[in-house]
Amino acid sequence: MSGPSFFQTVMGRAFYEGTMPRLAKAAERIAVGLERMADQQDIYARLGGREIVLVESPDGKLNIEVRDNKGGVITVTLPDVEKVEEE
């Protein structure tokens, strides 16, 4: 085949300088997301299928809810704590 190699063409440069770095970054984000999902699944398994959730009740108090995979819920109301507002 005669002519320039792919990397020497305008399209080749755009691919190697633009598309490839974006693909690499996207693959890295996917890998990080999969690692986080695996960590969450590991924590969930260690809790025996239970989920721990921090919720705010209608009266503004913070509660910890422990939910099992059968629909059961245990609610623990936290003592009054100073609420920190997000910026």
PDB file of N, CA and C in Angstrom:
ATOM      1  N   MET A   1       0.841  -1.180   0.000  1.00  0.00           N
ATOM      2  CA  MET A   1       0.000   0.000   0.000  1.00  0.00           C
ATOM      3  C   MET A   1       0.886   1.243   0.000  1.00  0.00           C
ATOM      4  N   SER A   2       0.587   2.149  -0.850  1.00  0.00           N
ATOM      5  CA  SER A   2       1.394   3.368  -0.928  1.00  0.00           C
ATOM      6  C   SER A   2       0.678   4.496  -0.195  1.00  0.00           C
ATOM      7  N   GLY A   3       1.375   5.563   0.057  1.00  0.00           N
ATOM      8  CA  GLY A   3       0.787   6.699   0.745  1.00  0.00           C
ATOM      9  C   GLY A   3       1.170   6.702   2.216  1.00  0.00           C
ATOM     10  N   PRO A   4       0.730   7.721   2.929  1.00  0.00           N
ATOM     11  CA  PRO A   4       1.111   7.847   4.339  1.00  0.00           C
ATOM     12  C   PRO A   4       0.433   6.777   5.199  1.00  0.00           C
ATOM     13  N   SER A   5       1.060   6.471   6.302  1.00  0.00           N
ATOM     14  CA  SER A   5       0.445   5.577   7.286  1.00  0.00           C
ATOM     15  C   SER A   5      -0.711   6.310   7.958  1.00  0.00           C
ATOM     16  N   PHE A   6      -1.599   5.546   8.574  1.00  0.00           N
ATOM     17  CA  PHE A   6      -2.792   6.143   9.199  1.00  0.00           C
ATOM     18  C   PHE A   6      -2.431   7.258  10.167  1.00  0.00           C
ATOM     19  N   PHE A   7      -1.418   7.014  11.017  1.00  0.00           N
ATOM     20  CA  PHE A   7      -1.070   8.024  12.026  1.00  0.00           C
ATOM     21  C   PHE A   7      -0.541   9.308  11.400  1.00  0.00           C
ATOM     22  N   GLN A   8      -0.149   9.265  10.130  1.00  0.00           N
ATOM     23  CA  GLN A   8       0.372  10.446   9.457  1.00  0.00           C
ATOM     24  C   GLN A   8      -0.722  11.263   8.782  1.00  0.00           C
ATOM     25  N   THR A   9      -1.946  10.758   8.746  1.00  0.00           N
ATOM     26  CA  THR A   9      -3.048  11.482   8.106  1.00  0.00           C
ATOM     27  C   THR A   9      -3.726  12.388   9.119  1.00  0.00           C
ATOM     28  N   VAL A  10      -4.527  13.324   8.629  1.00  0.00           N
ATOM     29  CA  VAL A  10      -5.295  14.219   9.503  1.00  0.00           C
ATOM     30  C   VAL A  10      -6.245  13.395  10.367  1.00  0.00           C
ATOM     31  N   MET A  11      -6.918  12.435   9.757  1.00  0.00           N
ATOM     32  CA  MET A  11      -7.846  11.600  10.504  1.00  0.00           C
ATOM     33  C   MET A  11      -7.101  10.760  11.551  1.00  0.00           C
ATOM     34  N   GLY A  12      -5.922  10.260  11.182  1.00  0.00           N
ATOM     35  CA  GLY A  12      -5.120   9.468  12.110  1.00  0.00           C
ATOM     36  C   GLY A  12      -4.652  10.283  13.299  1.00  0.00           C
ATOM     37  N   ARG A  13      -4.199  11.503  13.040  1.00  0.00           N
ATOM     38  CA  ARG A  13      -3.772  12.393  14.138  1.00  0.00           C
ATOM     39  C   ARG A  13      -4.936  12.694  15.055  1.00  0.00           C
ATOM     40  N   ALA A  14      -6.115  12.986  14.468  1.00  0.00           N
ATOM     41  CA  ALA A  14      -7.296  13.266  15.291  1.00  0.00           C
ATOM     42  C   ALA A  14      -7.646  12.052  16.154  1.00  0.00           C
ATOM     43  N   PHE A  15      -7.517  10.867  15.580  1.00  0.00           N
ATOM     44  CA  PHE A  15      -7.820   9.641  16.313  1.00  0.00           C
ATOM     45  C   PHE A  15      -6.856   9.452  17.483  1.00  0.00           C
ATOM     46  N   TYR A  16      -5.553   9.528  17.213  1.00  0.00           N
ATOM     47  CA  TYR A  16      -4.554   9.266  18.252  1.00  0.00           C
ATOM     48  C   TYR A  16      -4.440  10.389  19.271  1.00  0.00           C
ATOM     49  N   GLU A  17      -4.695  11.627  18.858  1.00  0.00           N
ATOM     50  CA  GLU A  17      -4.557  12.757  19.774  1.00  0.00           C
ATOM     51  C   GLU A  17      -5.866  13.120  20.484  1.00  0.00           C
ATOM     52  N   GLY A  18      -6.982  12.706  19.929  1.00  0.00           N
ATOM     53  CA  GLY A  18      -8.262  13.068  20.536  1.00  0.00           C
ATOM     54  C   GLY A  18      -9.086  11.875  20.978  1.00  0.00           C
ATOM     55  N   THR A  19      -9.402  11.005  20.028  1.00  0.00           N
ATOM     56  CA  THR A  19     -10.284   9.876  20.311  1.00  0.00           C
ATOM     57  C   THR A  19      -9.666   8.898  21.298  1.00  0.00           C
ATOM     58  N   MET A  20      -8.419   8.505  21.074  1.00  0.00           N
ATOM     59  CA  MET A  20      -7.776   7.517  21.949  1.00  0.00           C
ATOM     60  C   MET A  20      -7.669   7.990  23.394  1.00  0.00           C
ATOM     61  N   PRO A  21      -7.233   9.225  23.657  1.00  0.00           N
ATOM     62  CA  PRO A  21      -7.195   9.672  25.058  1.00  0.00           C
ATOM     63  C   PRO A  21      -8.588   9.689  25.705  1.00  0.00           C
ATOM     64  N   ARG A  22      -9.614  10.080  24.941  1.00  0.00           N
ATOM     65  CA  ARG A  22     -10.977  10.067  25.487  1.00  0.00           C
ATOM     66  C   ARG A  22     -11.427   8.646  25.785  1.00  0.00           C
ATOM     67  N   LEU A  23     -11.089   7.697  24.900  1.00  0.00           N
ATOM     68  CA  LEU A  23     -11.437   6.296  25.143  1.00  0.00           C
ATOM     69  C   LEU A  23     -10.725   5.766  26.388  1.00  0.00           C
ATOM     70  N   ALA A  24      -9.473   6.124  26.558  1.00  0.00           N
ATOM     71  CA  ALA A  24      -8.708   5.669  27.727  1.00  0.00           C
ATOM     72  C   ALA A  24      -9.307   6.229  29.013  1.00  0.00           C
ATOM     73  N   LYS A  25      -9.672   7.511  29.005  1.00  0.00           N
ATOM     74  CA  LYS A  25     -10.283   8.117  30.188  1.00  0.00           C
ATOM     75  C   LYS A  25     -11.641   7.486  30.486  1.00  0.00           C
ATOM     76  N   ALA A  26     -12.421   7.215  29.451  1.00  0.00           N
ATOM     77  CA  ALA A  26     -13.725   6.576  29.641  1.00  0.00           C
ATOM     78  C   ALA A  26     -13.551   5.171  30.218  1.00  0.00           C
ATOM     79  N   ALA A  27     -12.569   4.427  29.729  1.00  0.00           N
ATOM     80  CA  ALA A  27     -12.307   3.080  30.251  1.00  0.00           C
ATOM     81  C   ALA A  27     -11.895   3.150  31.721  1.00  0.00           C
ATOM     82  N   GLU A  28     -11.107   4.154  32.071  1.00  0.00           N
ATOM     83  CA  GLU A  28     -10.687   4.318  33.459  1.00  0.00           C
ATOM     84  C   GLU A  28     -11.885   4.631  34.352  1.00  0.00           C
ATOM     85  N   ARG A  29     -12.792   5.514  33.888  1.00  0.00           N
ATOM     86  CA  ARG A  29     -13.995   5.836  34.672  1.00  0.00           C
ATOM     87  C   ARG A  29     -14.862   4.601  34.855  1.00  0.00           C
ATOM     88  N   ILE A  30     -14.985   3.794  33.819  1.00  0.00           N
ATOM     89  CA  ILE A  30     -15.770   2.561  33.910  1.00  0.00           C
ATOM     90  C   ILE A  30     -15.138   1.618  34.936  1.00  0.00           C
ATOM     91  N   ALA A  31     -13.823   1.480  34.903  1.00  0.00           N
ATOM     92  CA  ALA A  31     -13.128   0.597  35.840  1.00  0.00           C
ATOM     93  C   ALA A  31     -13.325   1.069  37.281  1.00  0.00           C
ATOM     94  N   VAL A  32     -13.216   2.369  37.508  1.00  0.00           N
ATOM     95  CA  VAL A  32     -13.411   2.914  38.855  1.00  0.00           C
ATOM     96  C   VAL A  32     -14.848   2.669  39.313  1.00  0.00           C
ATOM     97  N   GLY A  33     -15.813   2.890  38.428  1.00  0.00           N
ATOM     98  CA  GLY A  33     -17.206   2.642  38.773  1.00  0.00           C
ATOM     99  C   GLY A  33     -17.463   1.183  39.108  1.00  0.00           C
ATOM    100  N   LEU A  34     -16.865   0.273  38.347  1.00  0.00           N
ATOM    101  CA  LEU A  34     -17.029  -1.156  38.629  1.00  0.00           C
ATOM    102  C   LEU A  34     -16.399  -1.525  39.966  1.00  0.00           C
ATOM    103  N   GLU A  35     -15.246  -0.926  40.281  1.00  0.00           N
ATOM    104  CA  GLU A  35     -14.619  -1.183  41.579  1.00  0.00           C
ATOM    105  C   GLU A  35     -15.512  -0.706  42.712  1.00  0.00           C
ATOM    106  N   ARG A  36     -16.111   0.459  42.560  1.00  0.00           N
ATOM    107  CA  ARG A  36     -17.012   0.976  43.602  1.00  0.00           C
ATOM    108  C   ARG A  36     -18.227   0.076  43.757  1.00  0.00           C
ATOM    109  N   MET A  37     -18.774  -0.380  42.641  1.00  0.00           N
ATOM    110  CA  MET A  37     -19.922  -1.288  42.715  1.00  0.00           C
ATOM    111  C   MET A  37     -19.542  -2.573  43.430  1.00  0.00           C
ATOM    112  N   ALA A  38     -18.364  -3.098  43.142  1.00  0.00           N
ATOM    113  CA  ALA A  38     -17.906  -4.327  43.786  1.00  0.00           C
ATOM    114  C   ALA A  38     -17.744  -4.104  45.285  1.00  0.00           C
ATOM    115  N   ASP A  39     -17.191  -2.945  45.673  1.00  0.00           N
ATOM    116  CA  ASP A  39     -17.046  -2.622  47.091  1.00  0.00           C
ATOM    117  C   ASP A  39     -18.406  -2.539  47.767  1.00  0.00           C
ATOM    118  N   GLN A  40     -19.374  -1.902  47.104  1.00  0.00           N
ATOM    119  CA  GLN A  40     -20.716  -1.789  47.673  1.00  0.00           C
ATOM    120  C   GLN A  40     -21.360  -3.160  47.810  1.00  0.00           C
ATOM    121  N   GLN A  41     -21.171  -4.022  46.816  1.00  0.00           N
ATOM    122  CA  GLN A  41     -21.734  -5.369  46.887  1.00  0.00           C
ATOM    123  C   GLN A  41     -21.081  -6.151  48.025  1.00  0.00           C
ATOM    124  N   ASP A  42     -19.780  -5.953  48.237  1.00  0.00           N
ATOM    125  CA  ASP A  42     -19.071  -6.628  49.313  1.00  0.00           C
ATOM    126  C   ASP A  42     -19.617  -6.180  50.665  1.00  0.00           C
ATOM    127  N   ILE A  43     -19.812  -4.881  50.836  1.00  0.00           N
ATOM    128  CA  ILE A  43     -20.370  -4.351  52.080  1.00  0.00           C
ATOM    129  C   ILE A  43     -21.784  -4.893  52.289  1.00  0.00           C
ATOM    130  N   TYR A  44     -22.591  -4.881  51.246  1.00  0.00           N
ATOM    131  CA  TYR A  44     -23.966  -5.386  51.330  1.00  0.00           C
ATOM    132  C   TYR A  44     -23.960  -6.856  51.738  1.00  0.00           C
ATOM    133  N   ALA A  45     -23.050  -7.648  51.176  1.00  0.00           N
ATOM    134  CA  ALA A  45     -22.971  -9.072  51.513  1.00  0.00           C
ATOM    135  C   ALA A  45     -22.564  -9.257  52.970  1.00  0.00           C
ATOM    136  N   ARG A  46     -21.629  -8.421  53.448  1.00  0.00           N
ATOM    137  CA  ARG A  46     -21.204  -8.529  54.836  1.00  0.00           C
ATOM    138  C   ARG A  46     -22.315  -8.154  55.804  1.00  0.00           C
ATOM    139  N   LEU A  47     -23.216  -7.300  55.365  1.00  0.00           N
ATOM    140  CA  LEU A  47     -24.354  -6.918  56.209  1.00  0.00           C
ATOM    141  C   LEU A  47     -25.463  -7.968  56.155  1.00  0.00           C
ATOM    142  N   GLY A  48     -25.229  -9.046  55.448  1.00  0.00           N
ATOM    143  CA  GLY A  48     -26.219 -10.115  55.367  1.00  0.00           C
ATOM    144  C   GLY A  48     -27.462  -9.694  54.600  1.00  0.00           C
ATOM    145  N   GLY A  49     -27.289  -8.881  53.580  1.00  0.00           N
ATOM    146  CA  GLY A  49     -28.433  -8.446  52.785  1.00  0.00           C
ATOM    147  C   GLY A  49     -29.145  -7.235  53.373  1.00  0.00           C
ATOM    148  N   ARG A  50     -28.566  -6.649  54.433  1.00  0.00           N
ATOM    149  CA  ARG A  50     -29.177  -5.465  55.027  1.00  0.00           C
ATOM    150  C   ARG A  50     -28.536  -4.200  54.451  1.00  0.00           C
ATOM    151  N   GLU A  51     -29.314  -3.150  54.458  1.00  0.00           N
ATOM    152  CA  GLU A  51     -28.849  -1.865  53.939  1.00  0.00           C
ATOM    153  C   GLU A  51     -28.971  -0.849  55.064  1.00  0.00           C
ATOM    154  N   ILE A  52     -27.962  -0.020  55.252  1.00  0.00           N
ATOM    155  CA  ILE A  52     -28.002   1.023  56.277  1.00  0.00           C
ATOM    156  C   ILE A  52     -28.147   2.364  55.573  1.00  0.00           C
ATOM    157  N   VAL A  53     -29.173   3.121  55.992  1.00  0.00           N
ATOM    158  CA  VAL A  53     -29.484   4.384  55.326  1.00  0.00           C
ATOM    159  C   VAL A  53     -29.654   5.480  56.377  1.00  0.00           C
ATOM    160  N   LEU A  54     -29.090   6.638  56.116  1.00  0.00           N
ATOM    161  CA  LEU A  54     -29.277   7.807  56.979  1.00  0.00           C
ATOM    162  C   LEU A  54     -30.400   8.632  56.363  1.00  0.00           C
ATOM    163  N   VAL A  55     -31.479   8.848  57.135  1.00  0.00           N
ATOM    164  CA  VAL A  55     -32.632   9.578  56.608  1.00  0.00           C
ATOM    165  C   VAL A  55     -33.018  10.688  57.570  1.00  0.00           C
ATOM    166  N   GLU A  56     -33.673  11.697  57.023  1.00  0.00           N
ATOM    167  CA  GLU A  56     -34.171  12.798  57.844  1.00  0.00           C
ATOM    168  C   GLU A  56     -35.676  12.629  57.987  1.00  0.00           C
ATOM    169  N   SER A  57     -36.147  12.638  59.233  1.00  0.00           N
ATOM    170  CA  SER A  57     -37.582  12.479  59.477  1.00  0.00           C
ATOM    171  C   SER A  57     -38.291  13.803  59.193  1.00  0.00           C
ATOM    172  N   PRO A  58     -39.632  13.774  59.081  1.00  0.00           N
ATOM    173  CA  PRO A  58     -40.371  15.015  58.797  1.00  0.00           C
ATOM    174  C   PRO A  58     -40.137  16.109  59.843  1.00  0.00           C
ATOM    175  N   ASP A  59     -39.824  15.710  61.085  1.00  0.00           N
ATOM    176  CA  ASP A  59     -39.589  16.721  62.125  1.00  0.00           C
ATOM    177  C   ASP A  59     -38.138  17.222  62.143  1.00  0.00           C
ATOM    178  N   GLY A  60     -37.333  16.785  61.168  1.00  0.00           N
ATOM    179  CA  GLY A  60     -35.980  17.289  61.022  1.00  0.00           C
ATOM    180  C   GLY A  60     -34.922  16.499  61.757  1.00  0.00           C
ATOM    181  N   LYS A  61     -35.301  15.432  62.468  1.00  0.00           N
ATOM    182  CA  LYS A  61     -34.311  14.618  63.172  1.00  0.00           C
ATOM    183  C   LYS A  61     -33.669  13.625  62.213  1.00  0.00           C
ATOM    184  N   LEU A  62     -32.437  13.268  62.518  1.00  0.00           N
ATOM    185  CA  LEU A  62     -31.742  12.285  61.703  1.00  0.00           C
ATOM    186  C   LEU A  62     -31.961  10.897  62.279  1.00  0.00           C
ATOM    187  N   ASN A  63     -32.255   9.962  61.406  1.00  0.00           N
ATOM    188  CA  ASN A  63     -32.472   8.578  61.797  1.00  0.00           C
ATOM    189  C   ASN A  63     -31.556   7.673  60.991  1.00  0.00           C
ATOM    190  N   ILE A  64     -31.177   6.564  61.606  1.00  0.00           N
ATOM    191  CA  ILE A  64     -30.489   5.512  60.883  1.00  0.00           C
ATOM    192  C   ILE A  64     -31.502   4.398  60.699  1.00  0.00           C
ATOM    193  N   GLU A  65     -31.698   3.976  59.463  1.00  0.00           N
ATOM    194  CA  GLU A  65     -32.602   2.874  59.170  1.00  0.00           C
ATOM    195  C   GLU A  65     -31.777   1.682  58.701  1.00  0.00           C
ATOM    196  N   VAL A  66     -32.059   0.524  59.273  1.00  0.00           N
ATOM    197  CA  VAL A  66     -31.458  -0.727  58.835  1.00  0.00           C
ATOM    198  C   VAL A  66     -32.574  -1.501  58.153  1.00  0.00           C
ATOM    199  N   ARG A  67     -32.433  -1.701  56.854  1.00  0.00           N
ATOM    200  CA  ARG A  67     -33.475  -2.362  56.063  1.00  0.00           C
ATOM    201  C   ARG A  67     -32.983  -3.732  55.637  1.00  0.00           C
ATOM    202  N   ASP A  68     -33.821  -4.744  55.818  1.00  0.00           N
ATOM    203  CA  ASP A  68     -33.426  -6.060  55.330  1.00  0.00           C
ATOM    204  C   ASP A  68     -34.050  -6.323  53.974  1.00  0.00           C
ATOM    205  N   ASN A  69     -33.666  -7.432  53.361  1.00  0.00           N
ATOM    206  CA  ASN A  69     -34.145  -7.711  52.005  1.00  0.00           C
ATOM    207  C   ASN A  69     -35.563  -8.273  51.985  1.00  0.00           C
ATOM    208  N   LYS A  70     -36.211  -8.356  53.149  1.00  0.00           N
ATOM    209  CA  LYS A  70     -37.602  -8.831  53.220  1.00  0.00           C
ATOM    210  C   LYS A  70     -38.576  -7.694  53.490  1.00  0.00           C
ATOM    211  N   GLY A  71     -38.077  -6.474  53.515  1.00  0.00           N
ATOM    212  CA  GLY A  71     -38.943  -5.316  53.724  1.00  0.00           C
ATOM    213  C   GLY A  71     -38.979  -4.826  55.154  1.00  0.00           C
ATOM    214  N   GLY A  72     -38.288  -5.512  56.070  1.00  0.00           N
ATOM    215  CA  GLY A  72     -38.263  -5.077  57.462  1.00  0.00           C
ATOM    216  C   GLY A  72     -37.353  -3.878  57.646  1.00  0.00           C
ATOM    217  N   VAL A  73     -37.722  -3.002  58.590  1.00  0.00           N
ATOM    218  CA  VAL A  73     -36.945  -1.795  58.845  1.00  0.00           C
ATOM    219  C   VAL A  73     -36.805  -1.599  60.345  1.00  0.00           C
ATOM    220  N   ILE A  74     -35.590  -1.337  60.793  1.00  0.00           N
ATOM    221  CA  ILE A  74     -35.335  -0.930  62.172  1.00  0.00           C
ATOM    222  C   ILE A  74     -34.863   0.512  62.096  1.00  0.00           C
ATOM    223  N   THR A  75     -35.517   1.390  62.858  1.00  0.00           N
ATOM    224  CA  THR A  75     -35.152   2.805  62.826  1.00  0.00           C
ATOM    225  C   THR A  75     -34.546   3.206  64.165  1.00  0.00           C
ATOM    226  N   VAL A  76     -33.391   3.854  64.101  1.00  0.00           N
ATOM    227  CA  VAL A  76     -32.732   4.369  65.295  1.00  0.00           C
ATOM    228  C   VAL A  76     -32.663   5.877  65.134  1.00  0.00           C
ATOM    229  N   THR A  77     -33.272   6.609  66.086  1.00  0.00           N
ATOM    230  CA  THR A  77     -33.237   8.065  66.038  1.00  0.00           C
ATOM    231  C   THR A  77     -31.971   8.541  66.722  1.00  0.00           C
ATOM    232  N   LEU A  78     -31.235   9.366  66.034  1.00  0.00           N
ATOM    233  CA  LEU A  78     -29.999   9.896  66.599  1.00  0.00           C
ATOM    234  C   LEU A  78     -30.315  11.029  67.559  1.00  0.00           C
ATOM    235  N   PRO A  79     -29.483  11.204  68.572  1.00  0.00           N
ATOM    236  CA  PRO A  79     -29.692  12.353  69.463  1.00  0.00           C
ATOM    237  C   PRO A  79     -29.503  13.639  68.668  1.00  0.00           C
ATOM    238  N   ASP A  80     -29.980  14.728  69.237  1.00  0.00           N
ATOM    239  CA  ASP A  80     -29.860  16.010  68.537  1.00  0.00           C
ATOM    240  C   ASP A  80     -28.404  16.283  68.180  1.00  0.00           C
ATOM    241  N   VAL A  81     -28.194  16.517  66.919  1.00  0.00           N
ATOM    242  CA  VAL A  81     -26.871  16.888  66.433  1.00  0.00           C
ATOM    243  C   VAL A  81     -27.008  18.142  65.611  1.00  0.00           C
ATOM    244  N   GLU A  82     -25.948  18.919  65.561  1.00  0.00           N
ATOM    245  CA  GLU A  82     -25.982  20.130  64.758  1.00  0.00           C
ATOM    246  C   GLU A  82     -25.932  19.764  63.301  1.00  0.00           C
ATOM    247  N   LYS A  83     -26.919  20.201  62.566  1.00  0.00           N
ATOM    248  CA  LYS A  83     -27.003  19.890  61.144  1.00  0.00           C
ATOM    249  C   LYS A  83     -26.064  20.811  60.374  1.00  0.00           C
ATOM    250  N   VAL A  84     -25.287  20.231  59.492  1.00  0.00           N
ATOM    251  CA  VAL A  84     -24.372  20.996  58.659  1.00  0.00           C
ATOM    252  C   VAL A  84     -25.017  21.171  57.287  1.00  0.00           C
ATOM    253  N   GLU A  85     -25.189  22.398  56.895  1.00  0.00           N
ATOM    254  CA  GLU A  85     -25.810  22.689  55.604  1.00  0.00           C
ATOM    255  C   GLU A  85     -24.766  22.557  54.504  1.00  0.00           C
ATOM    256  N   GLU A  86     -25.174  21.960  53.378  1.00  0.00           N
ATOM    257  CA  GLU A  86     -24.277  21.865  52.236  1.00  0.00           C
ATOM    258  C   GLU A  86     -24.215  23.203  51.525  1.00  0.00           C
ATOM    259  N   GLU A  87     -23.046  23.500  50.970  1.00  0.00           N
ATOM    260  CA  GLU A  87     -22.885  24.782  50.259  1.00  0.00           C
ATOM    261  C   GLU A  87     -23.370  24.671  48.860  1.00  0.00           C
TER     262      GLU A  87
END
